Amino acid sequence: MPDLPLLLLSRDRHFHGLTPDDLSRRVRSGELARIRHGVYTDGPGWRKLKPWEQYRLLIQAAAETFEKPAVFCRHSSACVWGIPTIGHHPVQALTFKNDGGRSRAGVSRHFAPRDGVRVVEREGLLVTDRARTVLDLAAFVPFSEAVAPMDHVLRPDKGRRLPAMTKADLEDRIGANYSAAAGRRIRTVLAFADPASGSAGESLSRAMIHAAGFEPPALQEPIFDAAGNLIGYSDFYWKDAGVVGEFDGEEKYSKPEYLKGRTASQAVVLEKNRENRIRATGLNVARWDWADLMAPGTLEGKLAAAGVRRRRTRSGSLDALIRL
C-alpha cells in the first residue's frame, strides 16, 4: 500500500479522547478532512495527495466502513493494482446478487456471477484479478478510456514485480463472462492495445488520434541527427508527414525515474534542447499535455496544423478503384 495518511474512524474517536464536536471543529480548521461518512484523515496530508492517491485512500475508507467483506472492481481494483485509468470515478465494488446492483454511500455496485470472478487479496483488500479488472474496464467504459489500462498490463510492471499479460491470455478469459456486445468491445480494445505505449497519457492520446481519423503513428521511433547520433525516441512518429508527436506528462518533470538526478528545471531545458535537435533534422514537432487532451478538439487541431494526415477511407482508395 502506498504511504498514505492514516484514517480516523468516528466510531473510534473515544480511543483518541475526541468528541463529535472535536471532530467537527478540527474539520472546520482544516486539521482533519472528512473523506467519507464517519471517516477522517489528516487535512494537510490529504490536500497534498495526487487525485489517484486520494482515490486510493477513499477505497481504503470504504473498506473500513463495510459491514461485510467486499470485492473491489473496475477502477477501484485498477487503482489497487497500480493500473492507470482515465477520469474521476466513485469507489466500485461487486455484488453477487442479481438485483441490478445498488449504489449508496459513494460506492457503485456492479453485479457479476460468483463463479466467473477470480478474487485475490492485495494490500489487505479483496479485488478482482488483473485480467478481470482490465476486461471489465474494456467492456464497460468508453474505448478511449479503456486503452490505457489494457496497454499497461501488456508490459511488465517492474515496480510491482508483475509480469506482462498476453493478448491471447486475456482473450481466453472473455469466455461466457460477458455478453456478445461486451465481448466485441473488449476485442476491439485488445486489438488496438500496444505495450509500446509509454504512459497513460500516451495511450489516451493514441486512442484519440485514432478516433479523430488520423493515420496511425509509429511508437517509440528512434530519431537520429545528421551525424547519425541518436537524439532520442519519439512518443509518436508519422514518417510520411515528417511529424513527431510528444506528450508532456507530469512524470517527465516530477518522477525520479524520469529525472535521473536532475531538477525539474534542468529536465525542462534538456527537453527543449532535444526538441530543437529534432527540428534541426527537418521534422515538425507537435506537443501536447493533459490539459490539451481534456479540451475537446485541441489535440486534433494541433495534429492537423502540424501536417498529420487523415486515414484514407476504403471508398477513397485509388488502388481499390484500379482493382474494380
C-alpha atoms as a PDB file:
ATOM      1  CA  MET A   1       0.000   0.000   0.000  1.00  0.00           C
ATOM      2  CA  PRO A   2       1.329   3.485  -0.813  1.00  0.00           C
ATOM      3  CA  ASP A   3       2.415   5.751   2.026  1.00  0.00           C
ATOM      4  CA  LEU A   4      -0.903   7.477   2.655  1.00  0.00           C
ATOM      5  CA  PRO A   5      -2.279   9.367   5.675  1.00  0.00           C
ATOM      6  CA  LEU A   6      -3.865   7.274   8.395  1.00  0.00           C
ATOM      7  CA  LEU A   7      -7.628   7.030   8.766  1.00  0.00           C
ATOM      8  CA  LEU A   8      -9.557   8.092  11.857  1.00  0.00           C
ATOM      9  CA  LEU A   9     -12.959   6.420  12.222  1.00  0.00           C
ATOM     10  CA  SER A  10     -15.668   8.274  14.050  1.00  0.00           C
ATOM     11  CA  ARG A  11     -16.590   5.105  15.933  1.00  0.00           C
ATOM     12  CA  ASP A  12     -13.040   5.007  17.340  1.00  0.00           C
ATOM     13  CA  ARG A  13     -12.966   8.632  18.493  1.00  0.00           C
ATOM     14  CA  HIS A  14     -13.162   7.581  22.148  1.00  0.00           C
ATOM     15  CA  PHE A  15      -9.761   5.912  21.861  1.00  0.00           C
ATOM     16  CA  HIS A  16      -8.339   9.323  20.937  1.00  0.00           C
ATOM     17  CA  GLY A  17     -10.259  11.272  23.566  1.00  0.00           C
ATOM     18  CA  LEU A  18     -12.338  13.086  20.939  1.00  0.00           C
ATOM     19  CA  THR A  19     -15.992  14.106  20.926  1.00  0.00           C
ATOM     20  CA  PRO A  20     -18.181  14.724  17.855  1.00  0.00           C
ATOM     21  CA  ASP A  21     -17.733  18.459  18.442  1.00  0.00           C
ATOM     22  CA  ASP A  22     -13.950  17.990  18.487  1.00  0.00           C
ATOM     23  CA  LEU A  23     -14.107  16.264  15.090  1.00  0.00           C
ATOM     24  CA  SER A  24     -16.310  18.996  13.618  1.00  0.00           C
ATOM     25  CA  ARG A  25     -14.061  21.738  14.959  1.00  0.00           C
ATOM     26  CA  ARG A  26     -10.934  20.093  13.516  1.00  0.00           C
ATOM     27  CA  VAL A  27     -12.605  19.689  10.130  1.00  0.00           C
ATOM     28  CA  ARG A  28     -13.551  23.388  10.092  1.00  0.00           C
ATOM     29  CA  SER A  29      -9.985  24.366  10.949  1.00  0.00           C
ATOM     30  CA  GLY A  30      -8.569  22.130   8.206  1.00  0.00           C
ATOM     31  CA  GLU A  31      -6.691  19.951  10.671  1.00  0.00           C
ATOM     32  CA  LEU A  32      -8.842  16.996   9.610  1.00  0.00           C
ATOM     33  CA  ALA A  33     -10.531  16.178   6.304  1.00  0.00           C
ATOM     34  CA  ARG A  34     -13.799  14.245   6.283  1.00  0.00           C
ATOM     35  CA  ILE A  35     -13.471  11.962   3.271  1.00  0.00           C
ATOM     36  CA  ARG A  36     -16.431   9.665   3.915  1.00  0.00           C
ATOM     37  CA  HIS A  37     -19.274   9.450   6.386  1.00  0.00           C
ATOM     38  CA  GLY A  38     -17.612   8.575   9.671  1.00  0.00           C
ATOM     39  CA  VAL A  39     -14.078   8.594   8.235  1.00  0.00           C
ATOM     40  CA  TYR A  40     -11.491  11.351   8.674  1.00  0.00           C
ATOM     41  CA  THR A  41      -7.847  11.804   7.789  1.00  0.00           C
ATOM     42  CA  ASP A  42      -5.077  14.360   8.230  1.00  0.00           C
ATOM     43  CA  GLY A  43      -6.195  17.524   6.435  1.00  0.00           C
ATOM     44  CA  PRO A  44      -2.836  18.868   5.177  1.00  0.00           C
ATOM     45  CA  GLY A  45      -1.760  15.351   4.165  1.00  0.00           C
ATOM     46  CA  TRP A  46      -4.987  14.792   2.224  1.00  0.00           C
ATOM     47  CA  ARG A  47      -4.636  18.043   0.326  1.00  0.00           C
ATOM     48  CA  LYS A  48      -1.089  17.170  -0.745  1.00  0.00           C
ATOM     49  CA  LEU A  49      -2.139  13.886  -2.353  1.00  0.00           C
ATOM     50  CA  LYS A  50      -2.440  13.402  -6.105  1.00  0.00           C
ATOM     51  CA  PRO A  51      -6.001  12.607  -7.300  1.00  0.00           C
ATOM     52  CA  TRP A  52      -5.210   8.898  -7.714  1.00  0.00           C
ATOM     53  CA  GLU A  53      -3.724   8.816  -4.211  1.00  0.00           C
ATOM     54  CA  GLN A  54      -6.858  10.412  -2.795  1.00  0.00           C
ATOM     55  CA  TYR A  55      -8.909   7.819  -4.664  1.00  0.00           C
ATOM     56  CA  ARG A  56      -6.833   5.012  -3.170  1.00  0.00           C
ATOM     57  CA  LEU A  57      -7.495   6.387   0.317  1.00  0.00           C
ATOM     58  CA  LEU A  58     -11.233   6.599  -0.453  1.00  0.00           C
ATOM     59  CA  ILE A  59     -11.179   2.889  -1.328  1.00  0.00           C
ATOM     60  CA  GLN A  60      -9.486   2.145   1.984  1.00  0.00           C
ATOM     61  CA  ALA A  61     -12.033   4.297   3.814  1.00  0.00           C
ATOM     62  CA  ALA A  62     -14.917   2.431   2.187  1.00  0.00           C
ATOM     63  CA  ALA A  63     -13.413  -0.926   3.153  1.00  0.00           C
ATOM     64  CA  GLU A  64     -13.135   0.226   6.772  1.00  0.00           C
ATOM     65  CA  THR A  65     -16.850   1.032   6.937  1.00  0.00           C
ATOM     66  CA  PHE A  66     -18.292  -2.033   5.159  1.00  0.00           C
ATOM     67  CA  GLU A  67     -20.010  -4.481   7.488  1.00  0.00           C
ATOM     68  CA  LYS A  68     -19.131  -7.468   5.270  1.00  0.00           C
ATOM     69  CA  PRO A  69     -16.083  -8.229   3.097  1.00  0.00           C
ATOM     70  CA  ALA A  70     -16.320  -6.542  -0.295  1.00  0.00           C
ATOM     71  CA  VAL A  71     -14.640  -7.237  -3.618  1.00  0.00           C
ATOM     72  CA  PHE A  72     -13.473  -4.044  -5.309  1.00  0.00           C
ATOM     73  CA  CYS A  73     -13.660  -3.968  -9.100  1.00  0.00           C
ATOM     74  CA  ARG A  74     -13.154  -1.857 -12.242  1.00  0.00           C
ATOM     75  CA  HIS A  75     -11.476   1.484 -11.474  1.00  0.00           C
ATOM     76  CA  SER A  76     -11.090   0.688  -7.767  1.00  0.00           C
ATOM     77  CA  SER A  77      -9.412  -2.665  -8.402  1.00  0.00           C
ATOM     78  CA  ALA A  78      -7.232  -0.997 -11.051  1.00  0.00           C
ATOM     79  CA  CYS A  79      -6.136   1.607  -8.503  1.00  0.00           C
ATOM     80  CA  VAL A  80      -5.114  -1.084  -6.024  1.00  0.00           C
ATOM     81  CA  TRP A  81      -3.187  -2.937  -8.757  1.00  0.00           C
ATOM     82  CA  GLY A  82      -1.490   0.284  -9.891  1.00  0.00           C
ATOM     83  CA  ILE A  83      -3.189   0.123 -13.293  1.00  0.00           C
ATOM     84  CA  PRO A  84      -3.750   3.646 -14.666  1.00  0.00           C
ATOM     85  CA  THR A  85      -7.267   4.770 -15.518  1.00  0.00           C
ATOM     86  CA  ILE A  86      -8.709   7.924 -17.023  1.00  0.00           C
ATOM     87  CA  GLY A  87     -11.047  10.368 -15.269  1.00  0.00           C
ATOM     88  CA  HIS A  88     -12.684  10.504 -11.843  1.00  0.00           C
ATOM     89  CA  HIS A  89     -14.916   7.697 -10.613  1.00  0.00           C
ATOM     90  CA  PRO A  90     -16.749   6.547  -7.481  1.00  0.00           C
ATOM     91  CA  VAL A  91     -15.496   3.637  -5.439  1.00  0.00           C
ATOM     92  CA  GLN A  92     -16.667   0.463  -7.199  1.00  0.00           C
ATOM     93  CA  ALA A  93     -17.393  -2.972  -5.753  1.00  0.00           C
ATOM     94  CA  LEU A  94     -19.040  -6.187  -6.902  1.00  0.00           C
ATOM     95  CA  THR A  95     -22.329  -7.631  -5.787  1.00  0.00           C
ATOM     96  CA  PHE A  96     -23.141 -11.279  -6.375  1.00  0.00           C
ATOM     97  CA  LYS A  97     -26.893 -10.689  -6.008  1.00  0.00           C
ATOM     98  CA  ASN A  98     -28.572 -10.139  -9.349  1.00  0.00           C
ATOM     99  CA  ASP A  99     -30.780  -7.289  -8.198  1.00  0.00           C
ATOM    100  CA  GLY A 100     -29.375  -4.727 -10.606  1.00  0.00           C
ATOM    101  CA  GLY A 101     -26.702  -3.614  -8.188  1.00  0.00           C
ATOM    102  CA  ARG A 102     -27.145  -0.879  -5.652  1.00  0.00           C
ATOM    103  CA  SER A 103     -25.124   2.263  -5.277  1.00  0.00           C
ATOM    104  CA  ARG A 104     -25.049   4.005  -1.952  1.00  0.00           C
ATOM    105  CA  ALA A 105     -22.754   5.960   0.322  1.00  0.00           C
ATOM    106  CA  GLY A 106     -20.413   6.835  -2.531  1.00  0.00           C
ATOM    107  CA  VAL A 107     -19.924   3.214  -3.674  1.00  0.00           C
ATOM    108  CA  SER A 108     -21.193   1.877  -7.014  1.00  0.00           C
ATOM    109  CA  ARG A 109     -22.128  -1.806  -7.016  1.00  0.00           C
ATOM    110  CA  HIS A 110     -21.859  -3.982 -10.137  1.00  0.00           C
ATOM    111  CA  PHE A 111     -23.341  -7.458 -10.479  1.00  0.00           C
ATOM    112  CA  ALA A 112     -21.251 -10.432 -11.597  1.00  0.00           C
ATOM    113  CA  PRO A 113     -21.892 -14.179 -11.234  1.00  0.00           C
ATOM    114  CA  ARG A 114     -19.700 -15.503  -8.436  1.00  0.00           C
ATOM    115  CA  ASP A 115     -18.305 -18.449 -10.415  1.00  0.00           C
ATOM    116  CA  GLY A 116     -16.953 -16.165 -13.152  1.00  0.00           C
ATOM    117  CA  VAL A 117     -14.860 -13.959 -10.860  1.00  0.00           C
ATOM    118  CA  ARG A 118     -11.335 -14.591  -9.624  1.00  0.00           C
ATOM    119  CA  VAL A 119     -10.742 -12.720  -6.373  1.00  0.00           C
ATOM    120  CA  VAL A 120      -7.330 -12.036  -4.861  1.00  0.00           C
ATOM    121  CA  GLU A 121      -6.172 -10.230  -1.744  1.00  0.00           C
ATOM    122  CA  ARG A 122      -3.899  -7.268  -2.360  1.00  0.00           C
ATOM    123  CA  GLU A 123      -2.770  -4.635   0.129  1.00  0.00           C
ATOM    124  CA  GLY A 124      -5.290  -6.033   2.592  1.00  0.00           C
ATOM    125  CA  LEU A 125      -8.226  -5.611   0.195  1.00  0.00           C
ATOM    126  CA  LEU A 126     -10.205  -8.099  -1.896  1.00  0.00           C
ATOM    127  CA  VAL A 127     -10.061  -7.180  -5.582  1.00  0.00           C
ATOM    128  CA  THR A 128     -10.749  -8.770  -8.949  1.00  0.00           C
ATOM    129  CA  ASP A 129      -7.597 -10.201 -10.517  1.00  0.00           C
ATOM    130  CA  ARG A 130      -5.684  -8.148 -13.075  1.00  0.00           C
ATOM    131  CA  ALA A 131      -7.202  -9.847 -16.100  1.00  0.00           C
ATOM    132  CA  ARG A 132     -10.785  -9.452 -14.911  1.00  0.00           C
ATOM    133  CA  THR A 133     -10.093  -5.848 -13.932  1.00  0.00           C
ATOM    134  CA  VAL A 134      -8.926  -4.706 -17.381  1.00  0.00           C
ATOM    135  CA  LEU A 135     -11.521  -6.826 -19.184  1.00  0.00           C
ATOM    136  CA  ASP A 136     -14.288  -5.205 -17.136  1.00  0.00           C
ATOM    137  CA  LEU A 137     -12.943  -1.768 -17.991  1.00  0.00           C
ATOM    138  CA  ALA A 138     -12.749  -2.628 -21.690  1.00  0.00           C
ATOM    139  CA  ALA A 139     -16.312  -3.935 -21.556  1.00  0.00           C
ATOM    140  CA  PHE A 140     -17.942  -1.074 -19.701  1.00  0.00           C
ATOM    141  CA  VAL A 141     -16.026   2.203 -20.199  1.00  0.00           C
ATOM    142  CA  PRO A 142     -15.569   4.227 -23.410  1.00  0.00           C
ATOM    143  CA  PHE A 143     -12.929   2.972 -25.836  1.00  0.00           C
ATOM    144  CA  SER A 144     -10.641   5.972 -25.294  1.00  0.00           C
ATOM    145  CA  GLU A 145     -10.580   5.308 -21.519  1.00  0.00           C
ATOM    146  CA  ALA A 146     -10.122   1.535 -21.861  1.00  0.00           C
ATOM    147  CA  VAL A 147      -6.900   1.650 -23.888  1.00  0.00           C
ATOM    148  CA  ALA A 148      -4.568   2.875 -21.107  1.00  0.00           C
ATOM    149  CA  PRO A 149      -5.344   0.012 -18.668  1.00  0.00           C
ATOM    150  CA  MET A 150      -5.009  -2.565 -21.438  1.00  0.00           C
ATOM    151  CA  ASP A 151      -1.712  -1.122 -22.713  1.00  0.00           C
ATOM    152  CA  HIS A 152      -0.384  -1.154 -19.154  1.00  0.00           C
ATOM    153  CA  VAL A 153      -0.924  -4.848 -18.422  1.00  0.00           C
ATOM    154  CA  LEU A 154       0.668  -5.869 -21.741  1.00  0.00           C
ATOM    155  CA  ARG A 155       4.067  -4.768 -20.420  1.00  0.00           C
ATOM    156  CA  PRO A 156       5.793  -5.828 -17.193  1.00  0.00           C
ATOM    157  CA  ASP A 157       5.128  -3.691 -14.136  1.00  0.00           C
ATOM    158  CA  LYS A 158       8.679  -3.709 -12.806  1.00  0.00           C
ATOM    159  CA  GLY A 159       7.912  -1.542  -9.796  1.00  0.00           C
ATOM    160  CA  ARG A 160       5.330  -4.036  -8.530  1.00  0.00           C
ATOM    161  CA  ARG A 161       7.102  -7.103  -9.946  1.00  0.00           C
ATOM    162  CA  LEU A 162       4.112  -8.091 -12.045  1.00  0.00           C
ATOM    163  CA  PRO A 163       4.645  -9.896 -15.361  1.00  0.00           C
ATOM    164  CA  ALA A 164       3.250  -8.769 -18.681  1.00  0.00           C
ATOM    165  CA  MET A 165      -0.023 -10.336 -19.776  1.00  0.00           C
ATOM    166  CA  THR A 166      -0.629 -11.526 -23.342  1.00  0.00           C
ATOM    167  CA  LYS A 167      -3.498 -10.695 -25.641  1.00  0.00           C
ATOM    168  CA  ALA A 168      -4.157 -14.417 -26.095  1.00  0.00           C
ATOM    169  CA  ASP A 169      -4.469 -14.989 -22.346  1.00  0.00           C
ATOM    170  CA  LEU A 170      -6.789 -12.022 -21.959  1.00  0.00           C
ATOM    171  CA  GLU A 171      -8.999 -13.111 -24.850  1.00  0.00           C
ATOM    172  CA  ASP A 172      -9.233 -16.595 -23.327  1.00  0.00           C
ATOM    173  CA  ARG A 173     -10.658 -15.021 -20.178  1.00  0.00           C
ATOM    174  CA  ILE A 174     -13.576 -13.386 -22.010  1.00  0.00           C
ATOM    175  CA  GLY A 175     -15.403 -16.704 -22.300  1.00  0.00           C
ATOM    176  CA  ALA A 176     -19.015 -16.622 -21.190  1.00  0.00           C
ATOM    177  CA  ASN A 177     -18.439 -13.890 -18.609  1.00  0.00           C
ATOM    178  CA  TYR A 178     -19.665 -11.122 -20.911  1.00  0.00           C
ATOM    179  CA  SER A 179     -22.478 -10.513 -23.347  1.00  0.00           C
ATOM    180  CA  ALA A 180     -21.776 -10.686 -27.086  1.00  0.00           C
ATOM    181  CA  ALA A 181     -21.759  -6.881 -27.296  1.00  0.00           C
ATOM    182  CA  ALA A 182     -19.379  -6.542 -24.345  1.00  0.00           C
ATOM    183  CA  GLY A 183     -17.129  -9.207 -25.855  1.00  0.00           C
ATOM    184  CA  ARG A 184     -16.920  -7.223 -29.089  1.00  0.00           C
ATOM    185  CA  ARG A 185     -15.960  -4.074 -27.171  1.00  0.00           C
ATOM    186  CA  ILE A 186     -13.253  -5.970 -25.309  1.00  0.00           C
ATOM    187  CA  ARG A 187     -11.810  -7.452 -28.506  1.00  0.00           C
ATOM    188  CA  THR A 188     -11.755  -4.016 -30.135  1.00  0.00           C
ATOM    189  CA  VAL A 189      -9.666  -2.662 -27.251  1.00  0.00           C
ATOM    190  CA  LEU A 190      -7.424  -5.755 -27.253  1.00  0.00           C
ATOM    191  CA  ALA A 191      -6.732  -5.451 -30.977  1.00  0.00           C
ATOM    192  CA  PHE A 192      -5.786  -1.778 -30.590  1.00  0.00           C
ATOM    193  CA  ALA A 193      -3.712  -2.154 -27.403  1.00  0.00           C
ATOM    194  CA  ASP A 194       0.058  -1.764 -27.692  1.00  0.00           C
ATOM    195  CA  PRO A 195       2.632  -2.332 -24.923  1.00  0.00           C
ATOM    196  CA  ALA A 196       4.964   0.172 -26.630  1.00  0.00           C
ATOM    197  CA  SER A 197       2.779   2.993 -25.331  1.00  0.00           C
ATOM    198  CA  GLY A 198       4.831   4.531 -22.545  1.00  0.00           C
ATOM    199  CA  SER A 199       2.207   6.064 -20.243  1.00  0.00           C
ATOM    200  CA  ALA A 200      -1.497   6.539 -19.667  1.00  0.00           C
ATOM    201  CA  GLY A 201      -1.318   9.922 -21.387  1.00  0.00           C
ATOM    202  CA  GLU A 202       0.286   8.378 -24.448  1.00  0.00           C
ATOM    203  CA  SER A 203      -2.355   5.645 -24.508  1.00  0.00           C
ATOM    204  CA  LEU A 204      -5.204   8.154 -24.289  1.00  0.00           C
ATOM    205  CA  SER A 205      -3.517  10.262 -26.979  1.00  0.00           C
ATOM    206  CA  ARG A 206      -3.265   7.261 -29.295  1.00  0.00           C
ATOM    207  CA  ALA A 207      -6.929   6.402 -28.811  1.00  0.00           C
ATOM    208  CA  MET A 208      -7.953   9.992 -29.516  1.00  0.00           C
ATOM    209  CA  ILE A 209      -5.694  10.115 -32.592  1.00  0.00           C
ATOM    210  CA  HIS A 210      -7.447   7.027 -33.909  1.00  0.00           C
ATOM    211  CA  ALA A 211     -10.914   8.346 -33.102  1.00  0.00           C
ATOM    212  CA  ALA A 212     -10.123  11.616 -34.900  1.00  0.00           C
ATOM    213  CA  GLY A 213      -9.305   9.684 -38.079  1.00  0.00           C
ATOM    214  CA  PHE A 214      -5.567  10.349 -38.328  1.00  0.00           C
ATOM    215  CA  GLU A 215      -3.083   7.883 -39.749  1.00  0.00           C
ATOM    216  CA  PRO A 216      -1.678   5.605 -37.016  1.00  0.00           C
ATOM    217  CA  PRO A 217       1.716   6.750 -35.714  1.00  0.00           C
ATOM    218  CA  ALA A 218       4.769   4.620 -35.050  1.00  0.00           C
ATOM    219  CA  LEU A 219       5.582   4.437 -31.320  1.00  0.00           C
ATOM    220  CA  GLN A 220       8.972   4.928 -29.673  1.00  0.00           C
ATOM    221  CA  GLU A 221      10.651   5.631 -33.005  1.00  0.00           C
ATOM    222  CA  PRO A 222      14.420   6.375 -32.750  1.00  0.00           C
ATOM    223  CA  ILE A 223      15.320   9.815 -34.125  1.00  0.00           C
ATOM    224  CA  PHE A 224      18.879  10.470 -35.352  1.00  0.00           C
ATOM    225  CA  ASP A 225      20.673  13.715 -36.209  1.00  0.00           C
ATOM    226  CA  ALA A 226      22.579  14.365 -39.440  1.00  0.00           C
ATOM    227  CA  ALA A 227      25.716  12.770 -37.990  1.00  0.00           C
ATOM    228  CA  GLY A 228      23.842   9.582 -37.135  1.00  0.00           C
ATOM    229  CA  ASN A 229      23.735  10.246 -33.403  1.00  0.00           C
ATOM    230  CA  LEU A 230      20.646   9.145 -31.523  1.00  0.00           C
ATOM    231  CA  ILE A 231      18.620  12.138 -30.338  1.00  0.00           C
ATOM    232  CA  GLY A 232      16.023  10.051 -28.557  1.00  0.00           C
ATOM    233  CA  TYR A 233      12.831   8.085 -29.004  1.00  0.00           C
ATOM    234  CA  SER A 234       9.660   9.885 -30.040  1.00  0.00           C
ATOM    235  CA  ASP A 235       6.323   9.184 -28.408  1.00  0.00           C
ATOM    236  CA  PHE A 236       4.657   9.284 -31.843  1.00  0.00           C
ATOM    237  CA  TYR A 237       6.070   9.460 -35.358  1.00  0.00           C
ATOM    238  CA  TRP A 238       4.427   9.944 -38.739  1.00  0.00           C
ATOM    239  CA  LYS A 239       7.137   9.209 -41.305  1.00  0.00           C
ATOM    240  CA  ASP A 240       5.259  10.256 -44.452  1.00  0.00           C
ATOM    241  CA  ALA A 241       4.145  13.542 -42.892  1.00  0.00           C
ATOM    242  CA  GLY A 242       7.533  14.185 -41.274  1.00  0.00           C
ATOM    243  CA  VAL A 243       5.934  14.833 -37.872  1.00  0.00           C
ATOM    244  CA  VAL A 244       6.984  13.855 -34.373  1.00  0.00           C
ATOM    245  CA  GLY A 245       4.342  13.920 -31.630  1.00  0.00           C
ATOM    246  CA  GLU A 246       5.317  14.378 -27.976  1.00  0.00           C
ATOM    247  CA  PHE A 247       3.034  14.031 -24.966  1.00  0.00           C
ATOM    248  CA  ASP A 248       4.196  16.081 -21.983  1.00  0.00           C
ATOM    249  CA  GLY A 249       3.088  14.211 -18.911  1.00  0.00           C
ATOM    250  CA  GLU A 250       3.783  15.415 -15.387  1.00  0.00           C
ATOM    251  CA  GLU A 251       6.025  12.408 -14.760  1.00  0.00           C
ATOM    252  CA  LYS A 252       8.676  13.774 -17.145  1.00  0.00           C
ATOM    253  CA  TYR A 253       9.328  16.630 -14.757  1.00  0.00           C
ATOM    254  CA  SER A 254       8.495  15.118 -11.379  1.00  0.00           C
ATOM    255  CA  LYS A 255       9.200  11.380 -11.042  1.00  0.00           C
ATOM    256  CA  PRO A 256      12.733  10.318 -10.034  1.00  0.00           C
ATOM    257  CA  GLU A 257      12.929   7.565 -12.671  1.00  0.00           C
ATOM    258  CA  TYR A 258      12.482  10.212 -15.370  1.00  0.00           C
ATOM    259  CA  LEU A 259      14.513  12.978 -13.757  1.00  0.00           C
ATOM    260  CA  LYS A 260      17.532  10.694 -13.153  1.00  0.00           C
ATOM    261  CA  GLY A 261      19.011  13.029 -10.558  1.00  0.00           C
ATOM    262  CA  ARG A 262      18.148  16.232 -12.414  1.00  0.00           C
ATOM    263  CA  THR A 263      15.947  19.024 -11.136  1.00  0.00           C
ATOM    264  CA  ALA A 264      12.619  19.756 -12.815  1.00  0.00           C
ATOM    265  CA  SER A 265      14.032  22.957 -14.379  1.00  0.00           C
ATOM    266  CA  GLN A 266      17.013  21.052 -15.757  1.00  0.00           C
ATOM    267  CA  ALA A 267      14.651  18.478 -17.243  1.00  0.00           C
ATOM    268  CA  VAL A 268      12.674  21.241 -18.978  1.00  0.00           C
ATOM    269  CA  VAL A 269      15.853  22.687 -20.513  1.00  0.00           C
ATOM    270  CA  LEU A 270      17.026  19.263 -21.712  1.00  0.00           C
ATOM    271  CA  GLU A 271      13.623  18.553 -23.249  1.00  0.00           C
ATOM    272  CA  LYS A 272      13.713  21.878 -25.094  1.00  0.00           C
ATOM    273  CA  ASN A 273      17.209  21.140 -26.412  1.00  0.00           C
ATOM    274  CA  ARG A 274      16.038  17.708 -27.528  1.00  0.00           C
ATOM    275  CA  GLU A 275      13.138  19.270 -29.417  1.00  0.00           C
ATOM    276  CA  ASN A 276      15.481  21.745 -31.139  1.00  0.00           C
ATOM    277  CA  ARG A 277      17.704  18.864 -32.289  1.00  0.00           C
ATOM    278  CA  ILE A 278      14.679  17.038 -33.668  1.00  0.00           C
ATOM    279  CA  ARG A 279      13.514  20.131 -35.544  1.00  0.00           C
ATOM    280  CA  ALA A 280      17.017  20.549 -36.968  1.00  0.00           C
ATOM    281  CA  THR A 281      16.532  17.251 -38.828  1.00  0.00           C
ATOM    282  CA  GLY A 282      13.654  18.805 -40.767  1.00  0.00           C
ATOM    283  CA  LEU A 283      10.928  17.110 -38.773  1.00  0.00           C
ATOM    284  CA  ASN A 284       7.986  19.067 -37.399  1.00  0.00           C
ATOM    285  CA  VAL A 285       7.192  18.623 -33.697  1.00  0.00           C
ATOM    286  CA  ALA A 286       3.710  18.742 -32.169  1.00  0.00           C
ATOM    287  CA  ARG A 287       3.478  18.807 -28.357  1.00  0.00           C
ATOM    288  CA  TRP A 288       0.506  18.452 -26.051  1.00  0.00           C
ATOM    289  CA  ASP A 289      -0.270  17.768 -22.398  1.00  0.00           C
ATOM    290  CA  TRP A 290      -3.124  16.562 -20.200  1.00  0.00           C
ATOM    291  CA  ALA A 291      -4.966  19.874 -20.437  1.00  0.00           C
ATOM    292  CA  ASP A 292      -4.934  19.598 -24.235  1.00  0.00           C
ATOM    293  CA  LEU A 293      -6.351  16.065 -24.059  1.00  0.00           C
ATOM    294  CA  MET A 294      -9.172  17.246 -21.808  1.00  0.00           C
ATOM    295  CA  ALA A 295     -10.114  20.170 -24.106  1.00  0.00           C
ATOM    296  CA  PRO A 296     -12.290  18.885 -26.987  1.00  0.00           C
ATOM    297  CA  GLY A 297     -10.727  19.404 -30.411  1.00  0.00           C
ATOM    298  CA  THR A 298      -7.373  20.694 -29.124  1.00  0.00           C
ATOM    299  CA  LEU A 299      -5.261  17.635 -29.939  1.00  0.00           C
ATOM    300  CA  GLU A 300      -6.963  17.251 -33.293  1.00  0.00           C
ATOM    301  CA  GLY A 301      -6.210  20.886 -34.133  1.00  0.00           C
ATOM    302  CA  LYS A 302      -2.549  20.560 -33.139  1.00  0.00           C
ATOM    303  CA  LEU A 303      -2.024  17.463 -35.285  1.00  0.00           C
ATOM    304  CA  ALA A 304      -3.831  18.916 -38.289  1.00  0.00           C
ATOM    305  CA  ALA A 305      -1.774  22.109 -38.034  1.00  0.00           C
ATOM    306  CA  ALA A 306       1.437  20.054 -37.854  1.00  0.00           C
ATOM    307  CA  GLY A 307       0.544  18.247 -41.071  1.00  0.00           C
ATOM    308  CA  VAL A 308      -0.528  14.814 -39.801  1.00  0.00           C
ATOM    309  CA  ARG A 309      -2.672  13.168 -42.457  1.00  0.00           C
ATOM    310  CA  ARG A 310      -6.061  11.563 -42.112  1.00  0.00           C
ATOM    311  CA  ARG A 311      -6.608   7.877 -42.813  1.00  0.00           C
ATOM    312  CA  ARG A 312      -7.926   7.091 -46.258  1.00  0.00           C
ATOM    313  CA  THR A 313     -11.397   5.572 -46.323  1.00  0.00           C
ATOM    314  CA  ARG A 314     -11.815   2.383 -48.321  1.00  0.00           C
ATOM    315  CA  SER A 315     -14.039   4.159 -50.836  1.00  0.00           C
ATOM    316  CA  GLY A 316     -11.351   6.812 -51.284  1.00  0.00           C
ATOM    317  CA  SER A 317      -8.561   4.379 -52.189  1.00  0.00           C
ATOM    318  CA  LEU A 318      -7.183   4.712 -55.723  1.00  0.00           C
ATOM    319  CA  ASP A 319      -5.784   1.176 -55.529  1.00  0.00           C
ATOM    320  CA  ALA A 320      -9.226  -0.186 -54.776  1.00  0.00           C
ATOM    321  CA  LEU A 321     -10.651   1.688 -57.775  1.00  0.00           C
ATOM    322  CA  ILE A 322      -7.982   0.242 -60.082  1.00  0.00           C
ATOM    323  CA  ARG A 323      -8.852  -3.286 -58.939  1.00  0.00           C
ATOM    324  CA  LEU A 324     -12.504  -2.848 -59.920  1.00  0.00           C
END
